[in-house]
PDB file of N, CA and C in Angstrom:
ATOM      1  N   UNK A   1      56.141-229.093 401.635  1.00  0.00           N
ATOM      2  CA  UNK A   1      56.095-228.864 403.384  1.00  0.00           C
ATOM      3  C   UNK A   1      54.864-229.597 404.379  1.00  0.00           C
ATOM      4  N   UNK A   2      54.205-230.266 403.075  1.00  0.00           N
ATOM      5  CA  UNK A   2      53.488-231.148 404.725  1.00  0.00           C
ATOM      6  C   UNK A   2      53.967-232.088 405.141  1.00  0.00           C
ATOM      7  N   UNK A   3      55.337-232.427 403.860  1.00  0.00           N
ATOM      8  CA  UNK A   3      56.404-234.143 404.601  1.00  0.00           C
ATOM      9  C   UNK A   3      57.027-233.574 406.065  1.00  0.00           C
ATOM     10  N   UNK A   4      57.170-232.456 404.999  1.00  0.00           N
ATOM     11  CA  UNK A   4      58.772-231.601 406.056  1.00  0.00           C
ATOM     12  C   UNK A   4      58.155-230.213 407.576  1.00  0.00           C
ATOM     13  N   UNK A   5      57.013-230.908 406.954  1.00  0.00           N
ATOM     14  CA  UNK A   5      56.470-229.088 407.959  1.00  0.00           C
ATOM     15  C   UNK A   5      55.196-229.378 408.951  1.00  0.00           C
ATOM     16  N   UNK A   6      54.629-229.782 408.434  1.00  0.00           N
ATOM     17  CA  UNK A   6      53.459-230.476 408.626  1.00  0.00           C
ATOM     18  C   UNK A   6      52.711-229.200 408.378  1.00  0.00           C
ATOM     19  N   UNK A   7      53.152-228.418 407.535  1.00  0.00           N
ATOM     20  CA  UNK A   7      52.021-227.121 406.769  1.00  0.00           C
ATOM     21  C   UNK A   7      51.369-227.701 405.496  1.00  0.00           C
ATOM     22  N   UNK A   8      50.410-227.302 405.438  1.00  0.00           N
ATOM     23  CA  UNK A   8      49.584-227.939 404.102  1.00  0.00           C
ATOM     24  C   UNK A   8      48.966-226.336 403.640  1.00  0.00           C
ATOM     25  N   UNK A   9      49.515-225.417 403.117  1.00  0.00           N
ATOM     26  CA  UNK A   9      48.431-224.434 402.462  1.00  0.00           C
ATOM     27  C   UNK A   9      47.138-224.821 401.509  1.00  0.00           C
ATOM     28  N   UNK A  10      46.711-223.974 402.271  1.00  0.00           N
ATOM     29  CA  UNK A  10      44.932-224.551 402.124  1.00  0.00           C
ATOM     30  C   UNK A  10      44.151-224.018 400.680  1.00  0.00           C
ATOM     31  N   UNK A  11      44.972-222.920 400.472  1.00  0.00           N
ATOM     32  CA  UNK A  11      44.811-222.240 399.000  1.00  0.00           C
ATOM     33  C   UNK A  11      45.192-221.722 398.269  1.00  0.00           C
ATOM     34  N   UNK A  12      45.263-221.186 396.328  1.00  0.00           N
ATOM     35  CA  UNK A  12      46.377-220.842 396.394  1.00  0.00           C
ATOM     36  C   UNK A  12      47.266-219.527 397.015  1.00  0.00           C
ATOM     37  N   UNK A  13      45.878-218.764 397.420  1.00  0.00           N
ATOM     38  CA  UNK A  13      46.774-217.262 397.966  1.00  0.00           C
ATOM     39  C   UNK A  13      46.715-217.703 400.089  1.00  0.00           C
ATOM     40  N   UNK A  14      47.743-218.369 400.191  1.00  0.00           N
ATOM     41  CA  UNK A  14      48.209-218.570 401.349  1.00  0.00           C
ATOM     42  C   UNK A  14      49.038-218.203 400.878  1.00  0.00           C
ATOM     43  N   UNK A  15      50.316-217.260 402.049  1.00  0.00           N
ATOM     44  CA  UNK A  15      50.902-216.221 401.999  1.00  0.00           C
ATOM     45  C   UNK A  15      52.182-216.989 401.315  1.00  0.00           C
ATOM     46  N   UNK A  16      52.932-218.289 401.954  1.00  0.00           N
ATOM     47  CA  UNK A  16      54.086-219.226 401.693  1.00  0.00           C
ATOM     48  C   UNK A  16      54.024-219.174 400.166  1.00  0.00           C
ATOM     49  N   UNK A  17      52.719-219.747 399.930  1.00  0.00           N
ATOM     50  CA  UNK A  17      52.820-219.611 398.382  1.00  0.00           C
ATOM     51  C   UNK A  17      53.371-218.245 397.420  1.00  0.00           C
ATOM     52  N   UNK A  18      52.816-216.941 397.417  1.00  0.00           N
ATOM     53  CA  UNK A  18      52.788-216.115 397.431  1.00  0.00           C
ATOM     54  C   UNK A  18      54.323-215.097 397.268  1.00  0.00           C
ATOM     55  N   UNK A  19      55.309-215.726 398.670  1.00  0.00           N
ATOM     56  CA  UNK A  19      56.640-214.906 398.359  1.00  0.00           C
ATOM     57  C   UNK A  19      56.767-216.348 397.620  1.00  0.00           C
ATOM     58  N   UNK A  20      56.837-217.419 397.593  1.00  0.00           N
ATOM     59  CA  UNK A  20      58.463-218.263 396.677  1.00  0.00           C
ATOM     60  C   UNK A  20      57.808-218.132 395.614  1.00  0.00           C
ATOM     61  N   UNK A  21      56.828-218.004 394.919  1.00  0.00           N
ATOM     62  CA  UNK A  21      56.268-217.339 393.678  1.00  0.00           C
ATOM     63  C   UNK A  21      57.261-216.172 393.661  1.00  0.00           C
ATOM     64  N   UNK A  22      57.020-215.256 394.464  1.00  0.00           N
ATOM     65  CA  UNK A  22      57.965-213.560 394.016  1.00  0.00           C
ATOM     66  C   UNK A  22      59.385-214.273 394.166  1.00  0.00           C
ATOM     67  N   UNK A  23      59.871-214.522 395.162  1.00  0.00           N
ATOM     68  CA  UNK A  23      61.038-215.282 395.222  1.00  0.00           C
ATOM     69  C   UNK A  23      61.581-216.066 394.083  1.00  0.00           C
ATOM     70  N   UNK A  24      61.032-216.424 393.196  1.00  0.00           N
ATOM     71  CA  UNK A  24      61.339-217.538 392.358  1.00  0.00           C
ATOM     72  C   UNK A  24      61.561-216.554 391.042  1.00  0.00           C
ATOM     73  N   UNK A  25      60.319-215.965 391.007  1.00  0.00           N
ATOM     74  CA  UNK A  25      60.497-215.095 390.004  1.00  0.00           C
ATOM     75  C   UNK A  25      61.861-213.742 390.030  1.00  0.00           C
ATOM     76  N   UNK A  26      62.130-213.311 391.031  1.00  0.00           N
ATOM     77  CA  UNK A  26      63.631-212.527 390.772  1.00  0.00           C
ATOM     78  C   UNK A  26      64.521-213.276 390.861  1.00  0.00           C
ATOM     79  N   UNK A  27      64.224-214.141 391.679  1.00  0.00           N
ATOM     80  CA  UNK A  27      65.933-214.841 391.138  1.00  0.00           C
ATOM     81  C   UNK A  27      65.526-215.441 389.769  1.00  0.00           C
ATOM     82  N   UNK A  28      65.115-215.921 389.122  1.00  0.00           N
ATOM     83  CA  UNK A  28      65.086-215.884 387.645  1.00  0.00           C
ATOM     84  C   UNK A  28      66.076-214.991 387.062  1.00  0.00           C
ATOM     85  N   UNK A  29      65.285-213.598 387.153  1.00  0.00           N
ATOM     86  CA  UNK A  29      65.410-212.894 386.645  1.00  0.00           C
ATOM     87  C   UNK A  29      67.048-212.221 387.359  1.00  0.00           C
ATOM     88  N   UNK A  30      67.603-212.575 387.840  1.00  0.00           N
ATOM     89  CA  UNK A  30      68.684-212.273 388.759  1.00  0.00           C
ATOM     90  C   UNK A  30      69.793-212.910 387.500  1.00  0.00           C
ATOM     91  N   UNK A  31      69.851-214.391 387.960  1.00  0.00           N
ATOM     92  CA  UNK A  31      70.571-214.986 387.301  1.00  0.00           C
ATOM     93  C   UNK A  31      70.602-215.518 385.259  1.00  0.00           C
ATOM     94  N   UNK A  32      69.876-214.259 385.424  1.00  0.00           N
ATOM     95  CA  UNK A  32      69.301-214.253 383.351  1.00  0.00           C
ATOM     96  C   UNK A  32      70.439-213.382 383.092  1.00  0.00           C
ATOM     97  N   UNK A  33      71.714-214.312 381.956  1.00  0.00           N
ATOM     98  CA  UNK A  33      72.953-213.472 381.913  1.00  0.00           C
ATOM     99  C   UNK A  33      72.591-211.841 381.065  1.00  0.00           C
ATOM    100  N   UNK A  34      73.133-210.950 381.242  1.00  0.00           N
ATOM    101  CA  UNK A  34      73.110-210.105 381.183  1.00  0.00           C
ATOM    102  C   UNK A  34      71.690-208.782 381.747  1.00  0.00           C
ATOM    103  N   UNK A  35      71.210-209.303 382.224  1.00  0.00           N
ATOM    104  CA  UNK A  35      70.272-208.871 382.740  1.00  0.00           C
ATOM    105  C   UNK A  35      70.427-207.702 384.225  1.00  0.00           C
ATOM    106  N   UNK A  36      71.772-208.070 384.551  1.00  0.00           N
ATOM    107  CA  UNK A  36      71.673-206.500 385.734  1.00  0.00           C
ATOM    108  C   UNK A  36      73.398-206.445 385.772  1.00  0.00           C
ATOM    109  N   UNK A  37      73.088-205.408 386.025  1.00  0.00           N
ATOM    110  CA  UNK A  37      75.280-204.708 386.256  1.00  0.00           C
ATOM    111  C   UNK A  37      75.528-205.254 387.047  1.00  0.00           C
ATOM    112  N   UNK A  38      75.585-206.192 387.851  1.00  0.00           N
ATOM    113  CA  UNK A  38      76.127-207.348 388.224  1.00  0.00           C
ATOM    114  C   UNK A  38      76.539-208.226 388.364  1.00  0.00           C
ATOM    115  N   UNK A  39      75.915-208.121 386.703  1.00  0.00           N
ATOM    116  CA  UNK A  39      76.019-210.201 386.549  1.00  0.00           C
ATOM    117  C   UNK A  39      77.971-210.080 385.494  1.00  0.00           C
ATOM    118  N   UNK A  40      77.018-208.196 385.480  1.00  0.00           N
ATOM    119  CA  UNK A  40      78.606-208.027 384.003  1.00  0.00           C
ATOM    120  C   UNK A  40      79.743-207.834 384.574  1.00  0.00           C
ATOM    121  N   UNK A  41      79.734-206.711 386.033  1.00  0.00           N
ATOM    122  CA  UNK A  41      81.090-205.906 386.650  1.00  0.00           C
ATOM    123  C   UNK A  41      80.581-206.845 388.440  1.00  0.00           C
ATOM    124  N   UNK A  42      80.496-207.420 388.320  1.00  0.00           N
ATOM    125  CA  UNK A  42      80.406-208.480 389.967  1.00  0.00           C
ATOM    126  C   UNK A  42      81.032-207.037 391.459  1.00  0.00           C
ATOM    127  N   UNK A  43      81.692-206.299 391.057  1.00  0.00           N
ATOM    128  CA  UNK A  43      81.809-205.358 392.087  1.00  0.00           C
ATOM    129  C   UNK A  43      81.359-204.424 392.554  1.00  0.00           C
ATOM    130  N   UNK A  44      80.429-204.269 391.589  1.00  0.00           N
ATOM    131  CA  UNK A  44      79.510-203.252 391.450  1.00  0.00           C
ATOM    132  C   UNK A  44      77.899-204.730 393.169  1.00  0.00           C
ATOM    133  N   UNK A  45      78.100-205.624 393.245  1.00  0.00           N
ATOM    134  CA  UNK A  45      77.252-206.265 394.123  1.00  0.00           C
ATOM    135  C   UNK A  45      77.650-205.503 395.824  1.00  0.00           C
ATOM    136  N   UNK A  46      79.257-204.422 396.015  1.00  0.00           N
ATOM    137  CA  UNK A  46      79.189-204.218 397.014  1.00  0.00           C
ATOM    138  C   UNK A  46      78.443-202.222 397.060  1.00  0.00           C
ATOM    139  N   UNK A  47      77.601-201.749 396.448  1.00  0.00           N
ATOM    140  CA  UNK A  47      77.473-201.155 396.847  1.00  0.00           C
ATOM    141  C   UNK A  47      76.052-200.845 397.287  1.00  0.00           C
ATOM    142  N   UNK A  48      75.539-199.573 397.998  1.00  0.00           N
ATOM    143  CA  UNK A  48      74.800-199.761 398.726  1.00  0.00           C
ATOM    144  C   UNK A  48      73.954-199.926 397.854  1.00  0.00           C
ATOM    145  N   UNK A  49      72.203-200.700 398.512  1.00  0.00           N
ATOM    146  CA  UNK A  49      71.279-200.600 397.807  1.00  0.00           C
ATOM    147  C   UNK A  49      70.066-199.460 397.206  1.00  0.00           C
ATOM    148  N   UNK A  50      70.701-197.806 397.668  1.00  0.00           N
ATOM    149  CA  UNK A  50      70.543-196.591 397.858  1.00  0.00           C
ATOM    150  C   UNK A  50      70.519-195.838 396.357  1.00  0.00           C
ATOM    151  N   UNK A  51      72.156-196.069 396.238  1.00  0.00           N
ATOM    152  CA  UNK A  51      72.397-196.029 394.804  1.00  0.00           C
ATOM    153  C   UNK A  51      71.642-196.087 394.085  1.00  0.00           C
ATOM    154  N   UNK A  52      71.082-195.291 392.979  1.00  0.00           N
ATOM    155  CA  UNK A  52      70.511-194.546 391.627  1.00  0.00           C
ATOM    156  C   UNK A  52      70.702-195.760 390.832  1.00  0.00           C
ATOM    157  N   UNK A  53      69.974-196.766 390.287  1.00  0.00           N
ATOM    158  CA  UNK A  53      70.468-197.562 389.233  1.00  0.00           C
ATOM    159  C   UNK A  53      70.880-199.222 389.636  1.00  0.00           C
ATOM    160  N   UNK A  54      70.728-198.652 391.182  1.00  0.00           N
ATOM    161  CA  UNK A  54      71.267-200.150 391.876  1.00  0.00           C
ATOM    162  C   UNK A  54      69.925-201.393 391.944  1.00  0.00           C
ATOM    163  N   UNK A  55      69.419-201.403 390.776  1.00  0.00           N
ATOM    164  CA  UNK A  55      68.251-201.824 391.000  1.00  0.00           C
ATOM    165  C   UNK A  55      68.512-203.784 391.011  1.00  0.00           C
ATOM    166  N   UNK A  56      69.175-204.097 391.241  1.00  0.00           N
ATOM    167  CA  UNK A  56      69.787-205.411 390.781  1.00  0.00           C
ATOM    168  C   UNK A  56      70.254-206.218 392.322  1.00  0.00           C
ATOM    169  N   UNK A  57      70.410-204.980 393.149  1.00  0.00           N
ATOM    170  CA  UNK A  57      70.618-204.865 394.113  1.00  0.00           C
ATOM    171  C   UNK A  57      69.508-205.085 395.192  1.00  0.00           C
ATOM    172  N   UNK A  58      68.530-203.781 394.960  1.00  0.00           N
ATOM    173  CA  UNK A  58      67.561-204.007 395.335  1.00  0.00           C
ATOM    174  C   UNK A  58      66.948-205.515 395.267  1.00  0.00           C
ATOM    175  N   UNK A  59      66.635-205.836 393.577  1.00  0.00           N
ATOM    176  CA  UNK A  59      66.080-207.190 393.574  1.00  0.00           C
ATOM    177  C   UNK A  59      66.386-208.244 393.921  1.00  0.00           C
ATOM    178  N   UNK A  60      67.275-208.600 394.478  1.00  0.00           N
ATOM    179  CA  UNK A  60      68.327-209.597 395.021  1.00  0.00           C
ATOM    180  C   UNK A  60      67.464-209.908 396.372  1.00  0.00           C
ATOM    181  N   UNK A  61      67.759-208.268 396.984  1.00  0.00           N
ATOM    182  CA  UNK A  61      67.628-208.409 398.696  1.00  0.00           C
ATOM    183  C   UNK A  61      65.918-208.006 398.709  1.00  0.00           C
ATOM    184  N   UNK A  62      64.882-207.957 397.949  1.00  0.00           N
ATOM    185  CA  UNK A  62      63.816-208.489 398.082  1.00  0.00           C
ATOM    186  C   UNK A  62      63.385-209.773 397.565  1.00  0.00           C
ATOM    187  N   UNK A  63      63.918-210.937 397.464  1.00  0.00           N
ATOM    188  CA  UNK A  63      64.525-212.425 396.996  1.00  0.00           C
ATOM    189  C   UNK A  63      65.185-212.717 398.097  1.00  0.00           C
ATOM    190  N   UNK A  64      65.612-211.685 399.014  1.00  0.00           N
ATOM    191  CA  UNK A  64      65.908-212.412 400.310  1.00  0.00           C
ATOM    192  C   UNK A  64      65.476-212.014 401.133  1.00  0.00           C
ATOM    193  N   UNK A  65      64.675-211.184 401.258  1.00  0.00           N
ATOM    194  CA  UNK A  65      63.482-210.884 402.122  1.00  0.00           C
ATOM    195  C   UNK A  65      62.226-212.684 402.034  1.00  0.00           C
ATOM    196  N   UNK A  66      61.955-212.523 400.932  1.00  0.00           N
ATOM    197  CA  UNK A  66      60.293-213.555 400.695  1.00  0.00           C
ATOM    198  C   UNK A  66      61.210-214.897 400.393  1.00  0.00           C
ATOM    199  N   UNK A  67      62.544-215.336 400.652  1.00  0.00           N
ATOM    200  CA  UNK A  67      62.994-216.237 400.179  1.00  0.00           C
ATOM    201  C   UNK A  67      62.937-216.683 402.063  1.00  0.00           C
ATOM    202  N   UNK A  68      63.591-215.977 403.116  1.00  0.00           N
ATOM    203  CA  UNK A  68      63.336-216.267 404.471  1.00  0.00           C
ATOM    204  C   UNK A  68      61.723-216.239 405.173  1.00  0.00           C
ATOM    205  N   UNK A  69      61.547-215.234 404.288  1.00  0.00           N
ATOM    206  CA  UNK A  69      59.830-215.002 405.009  1.00  0.00           C
ATOM    207  C   UNK A  69      58.685-217.329 405.205  1.00  0.00           C
ATOM    208  N   UNK A  70      59.838-216.978 403.562  1.00  0.00           N
ATOM    209  CA  UNK A  70      58.778-218.921 403.136  1.00  0.00           C
ATOM    210  C   UNK A  70      59.261-219.859 403.629  1.00  0.00           C
ATOM    211  N   UNK A  71      61.077-220.199 404.634  1.00  0.00           N
ATOM    212  CA  UNK A  71      61.459-220.592 405.697  1.00  0.00           C
ATOM    213  C   UNK A  71      60.415-220.388 406.986  1.00  0.00           C
ATOM    214  N   UNK A  72      60.561-218.983 407.302  1.00  0.00           N
ATOM    215  CA  UNK A  72      59.767-219.001 408.500  1.00  0.00           C
ATOM    216  C   UNK A  72      58.386-219.102 408.318  1.00  0.00           C
ATOM    217  N   UNK A  73      58.095-218.878 407.674  1.00  0.00           N
ATOM    218  CA  UNK A  73      56.149-219.259 408.574  1.00  0.00           C
ATOM    219  C   UNK A  73      55.519-220.761 408.818  1.00  0.00           C
ATOM    220  N   UNK A  74      56.785-220.821 407.855  1.00  0.00           N
ATOM    221  CA  UNK A  74      56.648-222.623 408.613  1.00  0.00           C
ATOM    222  C   UNK A  74      57.442-223.980 409.792  1.00  0.00           C
ATOM    223  N   UNK A  75      58.304-222.445 409.862  1.00  0.00           N
ATOM    224  CA  UNK A  75      58.693-223.394 410.519  1.00  0.00           C
ATOM    225  C   UNK A  75      58.100-222.521 412.081  1.00  0.00           C
ATOM    226  N   UNK A  76      57.739-221.496 412.285  1.00  0.00           N
ATOM    227  CA  UNK A  76      56.711-220.827 413.176  1.00  0.00           C
ATOM    228  C   UNK A  76      55.942-221.964 413.224  1.00  0.00           C
ATOM    229  N   UNK A  77      54.696-222.552 412.248  1.00  0.00           N
ATOM    230  CA  UNK A  77      53.545-223.605 412.571  1.00  0.00           C
ATOM    231  C   UNK A  77      54.274-225.161 413.463  1.00  0.00           C
ATOM    232  N   UNK A  78      55.878-225.208 412.510  1.00  0.00           N
ATOM    233  CA  UNK A  78      56.414-226.358 413.310  1.00  0.00           C
ATOM    234  C   UNK A  78      56.525-225.644 414.886  1.00  0.00           C
ATOM    235  N   UNK A  79      57.122-225.290 415.088  1.00  0.00           N
ATOM    236  CA  UNK A  79      57.669-224.357 416.916  1.00  0.00           C
ATOM    237  C   UNK A  79      55.985-224.619 417.617  1.00  0.00           C
ATOM    238  N   UNK A  80      54.708-223.838 417.429  1.00  0.00           N
ATOM    239  CA  UNK A  80      53.700-223.592 417.394  1.00  0.00           C
ATOM    240  C   UNK A  80      53.235-225.464 417.570  1.00  0.00           C
ATOM    241  N   UNK A  81      52.684-226.337 416.415  1.00  0.00           N
ATOM    242  CA  UNK A  81      52.879-227.092 417.039  1.00  0.00           C
ATOM    243  C   UNK A  81      53.825-227.676 418.454  1.00  0.00           C
ATOM    244  N   UNK A  82      54.968-227.837 418.205  1.00  0.00           N
ATOM    245  CA  UNK A  82      55.924-228.758 418.842  1.00  0.00           C
ATOM    246  C   UNK A  82      55.128-227.999 420.395  1.00  0.00           C
ATOM    247  N   UNK A  83      55.534-226.693 421.130  1.00  0.00           N
ATOM    248  CA  UNK A  83      54.724-225.981 421.996  1.00  0.00           C
ATOM    249  C   UNK A  83      53.476-226.362 422.477  1.00  0.00           C
ATOM    250  N   UNK A  84      52.492-226.370 421.658  1.00  0.00           N
ATOM    251  CA  UNK A  84      51.148-227.146 422.424  1.00  0.00           C
ATOM    252  C   UNK A  84      51.360-229.297 422.555  1.00  0.00           C
ATOM    253  N   UNK A  85      51.895-229.952 421.709  1.00  0.00           N
ATOM    254  CA  UNK A  85      52.677-231.476 422.069  1.00  0.00           C
ATOM    255  C   UNK A  85      53.605-231.561 423.452  1.00  0.00           C
ATOM    256  N   UNK A  86      54.065-230.516 423.821  1.00  0.00           N
ATOM    257  CA  UNK A  86      54.930-230.861 424.980  1.00  0.00           C
ATOM    258  C   UNK A  86      53.803-230.484 425.955  1.00  0.00           C
ATOM    259  N   UNK A  87      53.045-229.577 425.736  1.00  0.00           N
ATOM    260  CA  UNK A  87      51.953-229.120 426.410  1.00  0.00           C
ATOM    261  C   UNK A  87      51.179-230.570 427.066  1.00  0.00           C
ATOM    262  N   UNK A  88      50.829-230.750 425.883  1.00  0.00           N
ATOM    263  CA  UNK A  88      49.535-232.173 425.776  1.00  0.00           C
ATOM    264  C   UNK A  88      50.513-233.128 426.629  1.00  0.00           C
ATOM    265  N   UNK A  89      51.925-233.969 426.446  1.00  0.00           N
ATOM    266  CA  UNK A  89      52.339-234.587 426.827  1.00  0.00           C
ATOM    267  C   UNK A  89      52.646-234.447 427.732  1.00  0.00           C
ATOM    268  N   UNK A  90      52.496-233.930 428.637  1.00  0.00           N
ATOM    269  CA  UNK A  90      53.484-233.398 430.052  1.00  0.00           C
ATOM    270  C   UNK A  90      51.601-233.283 430.421  1.00  0.00           C
ATOM    271  N   UNK A  91      50.769-232.861 430.480  1.00  0.00           N
ATOM    272  CA  UNK A  91      49.369-232.957 431.194  1.00  0.00           C
ATOM    273  C   UNK A  91      49.393-231.186 431.430  1.00  0.00           C
ATOM    274  N   UNK A  92      50.324-230.435 430.788  1.00  0.00           N
ATOM    275  CA  UNK A  92      50.020-229.281 431.536  1.00  0.00           C
ATOM    276  C   UNK A  92      49.057-228.422 430.368  1.00  0.00           C
ATOM    277  N   UNK A  93      47.601-227.602 431.954  1.00  0.00           N
ATOM    278  CA  UNK A  93      47.029-226.416 430.647  1.00  0.00           C
ATOM    279  C   UNK A  93      47.648-225.454 429.969  1.00  0.00           C
ATOM    280  N   UNK A  94      46.324-224.205 429.653  1.00  0.00           N
ATOM    281  CA  UNK A  94      47.074-223.051 429.298  1.00  0.00           C
ATOM    282  C   UNK A  94      48.037-221.716 430.374  1.00  0.00           C
ATOM    283  N   UNK A  95      47.380-222.771 431.380  1.00  0.00           N
ATOM    284  CA  UNK A  95      47.120-221.898 432.479  1.00  0.00           C
ATOM    285  C   UNK A  95      48.449-222.292 433.533  1.00  0.00           C
ATOM    286  N   UNK A  96      49.262-223.286 433.056  1.00  0.00           N
ATOM    287  CA  UNK A  96      50.745-224.130 433.261  1.00  0.00           C
ATOM    288  C   UNK A  96      50.279-224.581 434.098  1.00  0.00           C
ATOM    289  N   UNK A  97      48.996-225.807 435.020  1.00  0.00           N
ATOM    290  CA  UNK A  97      49.005-226.349 436.323  1.00  0.00           C
ATOM    291  C   UNK A  97      48.755-227.634 436.078  1.00  0.00           C
ATOM    292  N   UNK A  98      50.127-228.279 436.189  1.00  0.00           N
ATOM    293  CA  UNK A  98      50.009-230.073 436.397  1.00  0.00           C
ATOM    294  C   UNK A  98      48.300-230.463 436.639  1.00  0.00           C
ATOM    295  N   UNK A  99      47.840-231.149 435.267  1.00  0.00           N
ATOM    296  CA  UNK A  99      46.915-231.728 435.724  1.00  0.00           C
ATOM    297  C   UNK A  99      46.700-232.508 436.322  1.00  0.00           C
ATOM    298  N   UNK A 100      47.433-233.269 436.947  1.00  0.00           N
ATOM    299  CA  UNK A 100      47.269-233.556 438.441  1.00  0.00           C
ATOM    300  C   UNK A 100      46.765-232.638 439.721  1.00  0.00           C
ATOM    301  N   UNK A 101      47.278-231.592 439.493  1.00  0.00           N
ATOM    302  CA  UNK A 101      47.066-230.781 440.597  1.00  0.00           C
ATOM    303  C   UNK A 101      45.420-229.921 440.577  1.00  0.00           C
ATOM    304  N   UNK A 102      44.615-230.197 439.573  1.00  0.00           N
ATOM    305  CA  UNK A 102      43.500-230.349 438.896  1.00  0.00           C
ATOM    306  C   UNK A 102      42.530-231.081 439.288  1.00  0.00           C
ATOM    307  N   UNK A 103      42.875-232.499 439.591  1.00  0.00           N
ATOM    308  CA  UNK A 103      42.548-234.029 439.803  1.00  0.00           C
ATOM    309  C   UNK A 103      42.999-233.846 441.190  1.00  0.00           C
ATOM    310  N   UNK A 104      43.425-233.211 442.269  1.00  0.00           N
ATOM    311  CA  UNK A 104      43.031-232.908 443.592  1.00  0.00           C
ATOM    312  C   UNK A 104      42.455-232.539 443.718  1.00  0.00           C
ATOM    313  N   UNK A 105      43.125-230.726 443.532  1.00  0.00           N
ATOM    314  CA  UNK A 105      41.821-230.339 443.512  1.00  0.00           C
ATOM    315  C   UNK A 105      40.314-231.031 443.566  1.00  0.00           C
ATOM    316  N   UNK A 106      39.726-231.445 442.498  1.00  0.00           N
ATOM    317  CA  UNK A 106      38.078-231.881 442.098  1.00  0.00           C
ATOM    318  C   UNK A 106      38.092-232.680 443.118  1.00  0.00           C
ATOM    319  N   UNK A 107      38.725-233.520 443.612  1.00  0.00           N
ATOM    320  CA  UNK A 107      38.057-234.256 444.330  1.00  0.00           C
ATOM    321  C   UNK A 107      38.108-233.544 445.968  1.00  0.00           C
ATOM    322  N   UNK A 108      38.671-232.621 446.005  1.00  0.00           N
ATOM    323  CA  UNK A 108      38.554-231.980 447.574  1.00  0.00           C
ATOM    324  C   UNK A 108      37.091-231.266 447.183  1.00  0.00           C
ATOM    325  N   UNK A 109      35.823-231.080 446.231  1.00  0.00           N
ATOM    326  CA  UNK A 109      35.451-230.036 446.627  1.00  0.00           C
ATOM    327  C   UNK A 109      34.362-231.655 446.400  1.00  0.00           C
TER     328      UNK A 109
END
């Protein structure tokens, strides 16, 4: 993740690591032959997840959530880094005033 997103988890308790592990466990269980009825009867993937016995469908939804969060968190880190880099490159401070205006104002004092 460091090379692609510039995001380095500081500890093993990082939320991205937990979500990736949970998604891998769920997906691993879902792809086992015969672990869910969806593997036996693919038509069952069209039933709503609230139907009793649709555990495979609920597991797939949880796996999708964890997978999307595993992608979203590093991308948010990239977006934040880009915004701060762009502000620094164009000389804009947090008040969105160009640095040249602040310099002119300082010379008049």
